[in-house]
Protein backbone atom coordinates (compact mmCIF):
# COMPACT_ATOMS: atom_id res chain seq x y z
CA MET A 1 63.90 77.97 106.66
CA ALA A 2 65.85 81.01 105.53
CA GLU A 3 64.11 84.32 106.02
CA ALA A 4 64.03 85.16 102.31
CA THR A 5 63.73 83.32 99.03
CA SER A 6 67.05 84.71 97.80
CA VAL A 7 70.24 83.01 98.94
CA PRO A 8 71.58 84.77 102.06
CA THR A 9 75.08 86.18 102.18
CA VAL A 10 76.89 85.89 105.51
CA PHE A 11 80.08 87.63 106.59
CA VAL A 12 81.97 85.27 108.91
CA CYS A 13 84.57 86.57 111.33
CA SER A 14 87.39 84.20 112.28
CA ALA A 15 86.81 82.04 109.22
CA THR A 16 90.36 80.72 109.47
CA GLY A 17 89.74 79.65 113.08
CA SER A 18 87.89 76.65 114.45
CA GLN A 19 84.53 78.31 115.15
CA GLY A 20 84.37 80.61 112.15
CA GLY A 21 85.75 77.96 109.83
CA SER A 22 83.09 75.49 110.91
CA VAL A 23 80.36 78.10 110.44
CA ALA A 24 81.66 78.99 106.98
CA ARG A 25 81.81 75.36 105.83
CA GLN A 26 78.38 74.50 107.21
CA LEU A 27 76.83 77.55 105.55
CA ARG A 28 78.47 76.60 102.27
CA SER A 29 76.94 73.12 102.61
CA LEU A 30 73.58 74.92 102.43
CA ASN A 31 74.81 76.77 99.33
CA TRP A 32 74.66 80.07 101.17
CA ASN A 33 77.10 82.77 100.12
CA VAL A 34 79.93 83.25 102.61
CA ARG A 35 82.42 86.09 102.79
CA ALA A 36 85.37 86.55 105.11
CA THR A 37 88.72 88.26 105.46
CA ALA A 38 92.09 86.65 106.12
CA ARG A 39 95.50 88.12 106.75
CA ASN A 40 97.19 85.57 104.52
CA LEU A 41 95.19 84.42 101.51
CA ASP A 42 97.85 81.84 100.69
CA SER A 43 97.72 79.95 103.99
CA PRO A 44 96.54 76.32 103.81
CA VAL A 45 93.38 77.19 105.77
CA ALA A 46 92.55 80.09 103.47
CA ILE A 47 93.13 77.98 100.37
CA ALA A 48 90.81 75.29 101.75
CA LEU A 49 88.11 77.86 102.47
CA LYS A 50 88.35 79.24 98.95
CA ALA A 51 88.09 75.71 97.59
CA ALA A 52 84.85 75.34 99.59
CA GLY A 53 83.47 78.43 97.89
CA VAL A 54 84.12 81.03 100.58
CA GLN A 55 84.76 84.48 99.10
CA LEU A 56 87.94 85.61 100.85
CA SER A 57 89.56 89.03 100.75
CA GLN A 58 92.70 90.22 102.49
CA GLY A 59 92.26 92.16 105.70
CA ASP A 60 91.90 92.02 109.46
CA TRP A 61 89.57 93.35 112.16
CA ASP A 62 91.46 96.64 112.43
CA ASN A 63 91.22 97.40 108.70
CA ALA A 64 87.94 99.29 108.34
CA GLU A 65 88.27 99.63 104.58
CA ALA A 66 88.75 95.88 104.05
CA LEU A 67 85.90 95.10 106.43
CA ALA A 68 83.55 97.50 104.66
CA ALA A 69 84.39 95.95 101.30
CA GLY A 70 83.86 92.42 102.62
CA ILE A 71 80.61 93.16 104.45
CA ALA A 72 79.01 95.22 101.67
CA GLY A 73 75.96 93.37 100.37
CA CYS A 74 75.82 90.87 103.25
CA ASP A 75 72.55 90.04 105.00
CA LYS A 76 74.00 88.41 108.09
CA LEU A 77 77.10 88.49 110.30
CA PHE A 78 78.78 85.85 112.43
CA LEU A 79 80.79 87.81 115.00
CA CYS A 80 83.50 85.85 116.77
CA LEU A 81 86.56 87.68 118.06
CA PHE A 82 89.57 86.81 120.19
CA PRO A 83 91.19 88.78 123.01
CA ASN A 84 94.48 90.54 122.38
CA MET A 85 96.59 89.56 125.38
CA ALA A 86 98.67 92.72 125.00
CA ASP A 87 95.60 94.97 124.85
CA LEU A 88 92.37 93.55 126.21
CA SER A 89 90.49 96.67 125.07
CA ALA A 90 91.23 95.84 121.42
CA GLU A 91 88.46 93.22 121.20
CA THR A 92 85.83 95.77 122.24
CA LYS A 93 87.07 98.29 119.69
CA GLN A 94 87.05 95.66 116.96
CA ALA A 95 83.50 94.61 117.84
CA GLN A 96 82.32 98.20 117.75
CA ARG A 97 84.03 98.75 114.40
CA ILE A 98 82.60 95.62 112.81
CA ALA A 99 79.10 96.18 114.20
CA SER A 100 79.07 99.77 112.98
CA ILE A 101 80.22 98.79 109.49
CA ALA A 102 77.72 95.92 109.33
CA LYS A 103 74.83 98.13 110.40
CA ALA A 104 75.74 100.76 107.81
CA ALA A 105 75.99 98.03 105.15
CA GLY A 106 72.43 96.87 105.81
CA VAL A 107 73.15 93.65 107.70
CA LYS A 108 69.91 92.51 109.34
CA GLN A 109 70.94 89.61 111.58
CA VAL A 110 73.94 89.04 113.83
CA VAL A 111 74.92 85.85 115.62
CA SER A 112 77.76 86.53 118.05
CA SER A 113 79.84 83.93 119.90
CA THR A 114 81.19 85.23 123.22
CA SER A 115 81.49 83.26 126.49
CA LEU A 116 79.33 81.46 129.01
CA GLY A 117 81.02 83.70 131.56
CA VAL A 118 78.85 86.58 130.36
CA SER A 119 75.85 84.78 131.83
CA GLN A 120 77.79 84.34 135.05
CA LEU A 121 78.59 88.05 135.16
CA GLU A 122 74.92 88.83 134.67
CA ALA A 123 74.13 86.51 137.59
CA LYS A 124 76.68 88.39 139.75
CA ILE A 125 78.89 85.33 140.21
CA HIS A 126 82.08 86.31 142.00
CA VAL A 127 85.08 86.77 139.72
CA VAL A 128 88.46 87.74 141.15
CA GLU A 129 88.71 91.51 140.74
CA GLY A 130 91.44 92.57 138.33
CA SER A 131 92.10 88.99 137.20
CA PHE A 132 92.52 88.00 133.59
CA MET A 133 89.25 86.10 133.89
CA GLU A 134 87.37 89.26 134.89
CA LYS A 135 88.94 91.33 132.12
CA HIS A 136 88.28 88.61 129.56
CA LEU A 137 84.62 88.26 130.50
CA LEU A 138 84.06 92.00 130.63
CA GLY A 139 85.53 92.14 127.13
CA LYS A 140 83.08 89.50 125.91
CA LYS A 141 80.19 91.36 127.51
CA ALA A 142 81.36 94.51 125.73
CA VAL A 143 81.26 92.64 122.41
CA GLU A 144 77.61 91.81 123.04
CA GLN A 145 76.93 95.42 124.01
CA ALA A 146 78.42 96.59 120.71
CA VAL A 147 75.90 94.40 118.89
CA LEU A 148 73.03 95.73 121.01
CA ASP A 149 74.12 99.34 120.53
CA ALA A 150 74.20 98.93 116.74
CA GLY A 151 70.52 97.97 116.75
CA PHE A 152 70.23 95.10 114.28
CA GLU A 153 66.82 93.69 113.38
CA SER A 154 67.83 90.33 114.85
CA HIS A 155 70.61 89.37 117.23
CA THR A 156 71.43 86.17 119.08
CA PHE A 157 74.30 85.47 121.45
CA LEU A 158 76.04 82.10 121.73
CA ARG A 159 77.98 81.73 124.97
CA PRO A 160 80.31 78.71 124.77
CA SER A 161 81.71 76.84 127.75
CA PHE A 162 85.15 75.15 127.81
CA PHE A 163 86.32 74.05 124.37
CA MET A 164 87.15 70.40 123.79
CA ALA A 165 89.82 71.71 121.43
CA ASN A 166 91.65 73.28 124.40
CA PHE A 167 93.13 69.84 125.04
CA MET A 168 94.62 69.71 121.53
CA GLU A 169 97.33 71.46 119.57
CA PRO A 170 97.52 74.38 119.01
CA LYS A 171 95.08 75.59 121.68
CA CYS A 172 96.61 73.49 124.45
CA VAL A 173 99.60 75.86 124.45
CA ARG A 174 97.46 77.95 126.81
CA TYR A 175 96.74 74.89 128.97
CA PRO A 176 99.92 72.81 128.71
CA GLU A 177 99.85 70.88 131.99
CA VAL A 178 97.85 67.90 130.77
CA ARG A 179 100.03 67.54 127.69
CA ASP A 180 103.35 68.17 129.42
CA LYS A 181 102.84 66.51 132.81
CA GLY A 182 99.77 64.32 132.47
CA THR A 183 98.08 66.22 135.29
CA TRP A 184 95.39 68.86 135.69
CA THR A 185 95.87 70.90 138.87
CA THR A 186 92.58 72.54 139.73
CA SER A 187 90.53 74.01 142.55
CA LEU A 188 87.49 72.52 140.90
CA THR A 189 86.27 69.58 142.96
CA PRO A 190 86.01 65.86 142.15
CA GLU A 191 82.24 66.37 142.07
CA THR A 192 82.28 69.38 139.74
CA GLN A 193 80.28 68.79 136.59
CA PHE A 194 82.31 70.52 133.90
CA PRO A 195 80.76 71.57 130.57
CA LEU A 196 82.71 70.92 127.38
CA VAL A 197 81.80 72.23 123.94
CA ASP A 198 82.71 71.06 120.45
CA HIS A 199 83.32 74.02 118.14
CA GLN A 200 81.40 72.24 115.40
CA ASP A 201 78.33 72.17 117.65
CA ILE A 202 78.64 75.94 118.14
CA ALA A 203 78.72 76.28 114.36
CA SER A 204 75.69 74.02 113.93
CA LEU A 205 73.77 76.09 116.46
CA ALA A 206 74.82 79.30 114.71
CA VAL A 207 73.57 77.95 111.38
CA ALA A 208 70.27 76.95 113.00
CA VAL A 209 69.92 80.46 114.42
CA PHE A 210 70.66 82.05 111.06
CA GLN A 211 67.68 80.14 109.69
CA ARG A 212 65.39 81.42 112.49
CA PRO A 213 66.05 85.18 112.70
CA GLU A 214 62.65 86.10 114.10
CA GLU A 215 62.10 83.10 116.38
CA LEU A 216 65.49 83.36 118.07
CA ASN A 217 65.90 87.13 118.07
CA GLY A 218 67.13 88.35 121.43
CA ARG A 219 68.03 84.89 122.74
CA ALA A 220 71.28 84.04 124.52
CA PHE A 221 72.32 80.37 124.49
CA ASN A 222 74.81 78.98 127.00
CA VAL A 223 76.49 76.34 124.88
CA ALA A 224 77.95 72.97 125.84
CA SER A 225 78.03 69.58 124.17
CA GLN A 226 78.49 67.37 127.23
CA ILE A 227 78.93 67.79 130.98
CA LEU A 228 81.44 65.52 132.73
CA PRO A 229 83.45 65.32 135.97
CA ILE A 230 87.10 66.33 135.64
CA GLN A 231 88.66 62.89 136.11
CA ARG A 232 86.35 61.30 133.55
CA ILE A 233 87.40 63.95 131.03
CA LEU A 234 91.02 63.00 131.64
CA ASP A 235 90.25 59.28 131.49
CA GLU A 236 88.52 59.59 128.13
CA LEU A 237 91.39 61.71 126.82
CA ALA A 238 93.96 59.18 128.04
CA ASP A 239 92.03 56.30 126.46
CA ALA A 240 91.91 58.14 123.13
CA ALA A 241 95.65 58.78 123.35
CA GLY A 242 96.29 55.07 123.89
CA ARG A 243 97.51 55.72 127.44
CA PRO A 244 94.70 54.45 129.73
CA GLY A 245 94.84 55.91 133.23
CA ALA A 246 97.81 58.14 132.41
CA PHE A 247 96.19 61.50 133.16
CA LYS A 248 95.25 62.52 136.70
CA ALA A 249 93.43 65.43 138.27
CA ILE A 250 95.12 67.11 141.23
CA PHE A 251 92.49 68.85 143.34
CA VAL A 252 93.86 71.72 145.43
CA ARG A 253 92.03 73.24 148.36
CA ASP A 254 90.95 76.63 147.13
CA ASP A 255 91.36 79.39 144.59
CA ALA A 256 93.97 81.17 146.67
CA GLU A 257 96.29 78.20 146.23
CA ALA A 258 95.32 77.77 142.61
CA LEU A 259 95.84 81.41 141.73
CA GLY A 260 99.45 81.11 142.80
CA SER A 261 100.10 78.90 139.79
CA PRO A 262 100.74 80.14 136.24
CA ASN A 263 98.56 77.31 134.91
CA ALA A 264 95.58 78.91 133.18
CA LEU A 265 93.44 75.83 133.79
CA ILE A 266 93.26 76.51 137.51
CA ASN A 267 92.85 80.27 137.59
CA SER A 268 89.45 81.48 138.80
CA ALA A 269 88.27 77.89 139.10
CA LYS A 270 85.69 78.91 141.69
CA THR A 271 83.95 80.76 138.89
CA MET A 272 84.15 77.65 136.73
CA ARG A 273 82.62 75.39 139.39
CA SER A 274 79.14 76.70 138.63
CA MET A 275 79.34 76.67 134.83
CA SER A 276 77.16 73.61 134.40
CA GLU A 277 74.30 75.33 136.25
CA TYR A 278 73.83 77.58 133.23
CA ILE A 279 73.61 74.78 130.66
CA ASP A 280 70.40 73.23 129.34
CA LEU A 281 71.44 70.38 127.05
CA ASP A 282 67.84 69.47 126.27
CA GLU A 283 67.15 72.98 125.01
CA LEU A 284 70.32 73.00 122.89
CA SER A 285 69.52 69.62 121.38
CA LYS A 286 66.31 71.06 119.93
CA TYR A 287 68.46 72.99 117.46
CA THR A 288 71.48 70.76 116.85
CA PRO A 289 72.77 67.28 117.69
CA LEU A 290 75.38 67.44 120.45
CA THR A 291 78.78 65.75 120.27
CA THR A 292 80.11 63.69 123.17
CA PHE A 293 83.74 64.09 124.19
CA LYS A 294 84.41 60.49 123.13
CA ASP A 295 82.99 61.15 119.68
CA TYR A 296 84.98 64.36 119.41
CA LEU A 297 88.18 62.48 120.25
CA VAL A 298 87.42 59.87 117.58
CA ARG A 299 86.80 62.56 114.98
CA GLU A 300 89.95 64.43 115.99
CA GLN A 301 92.15 61.35 116.34
CA ALA A 302 94.89 62.93 114.24
CA SER A 303 95.06 65.88 116.65
CA VAL A 304 95.04 63.52 119.63
CA LYS A 305 98.04 61.65 118.23
CA GLN A 306 99.86 64.90 117.42
CA THR A 307 99.28 66.35 120.88
CA TYR A 308 99.83 63.17 122.90
CA PRO A 309 102.33 61.07 120.90
């Protein structure tokens, strides 16, 4: 149940992206009011959001005036930001800016999507000092701290694992080896249980949290949809692409060897080996149905064909 009889109004960051877009559409399916900013209001994604009833205005996360106008009158905020590879401090500054504006505007509840790695940092899991992984996770932790510092009445953190969409265009540009070579070189092990998350499941969980501001205040959810060994992930992907057995995992000995490669899928894999230890699928399923990788691949068959023709 929503916390008030009036229809809530939610400001959704990253509404033109996979997570934010799914949140916006699911909230609109409840007839909640949704606001967001977009750099290009004429893009196909923006046009589709407007057709779904999302109130879009032009702006970005560095435009305080546009953010203030968009957030004014909102009850809730979905905070989901992306790192700037040229300036990893930018994400923290954007989070602080948005949180400050939202607090001043009277927003009561924030649901923020960061990274499962934040839980690993809190558990003192070793991360290679100075690595992109460390900087990325420290940035996500700083986003959460910005929410805490602002002092909202209710806050909940969603910490996703590895996105199923990372195997598809356009996200696979960051992880091109499977697409380009049919291999995944990794210092994960054949026994590693690897958590995958469907962005629509993150959105469903966010919507569930928005409807339980008091019950789930202060919670942090480590989010996955299914946990699978690496080779099975590749086998299911190959089957969906109509190329059974075509994709193979190459397991290297250790992180030192892996870190010598530019492939982002193998960097800091030692950190990734323990990801599944932080996931409680039974707990997550109390709030939303979870999508298997096979079902995701069926739903995203067009993307599968585009990525793996």
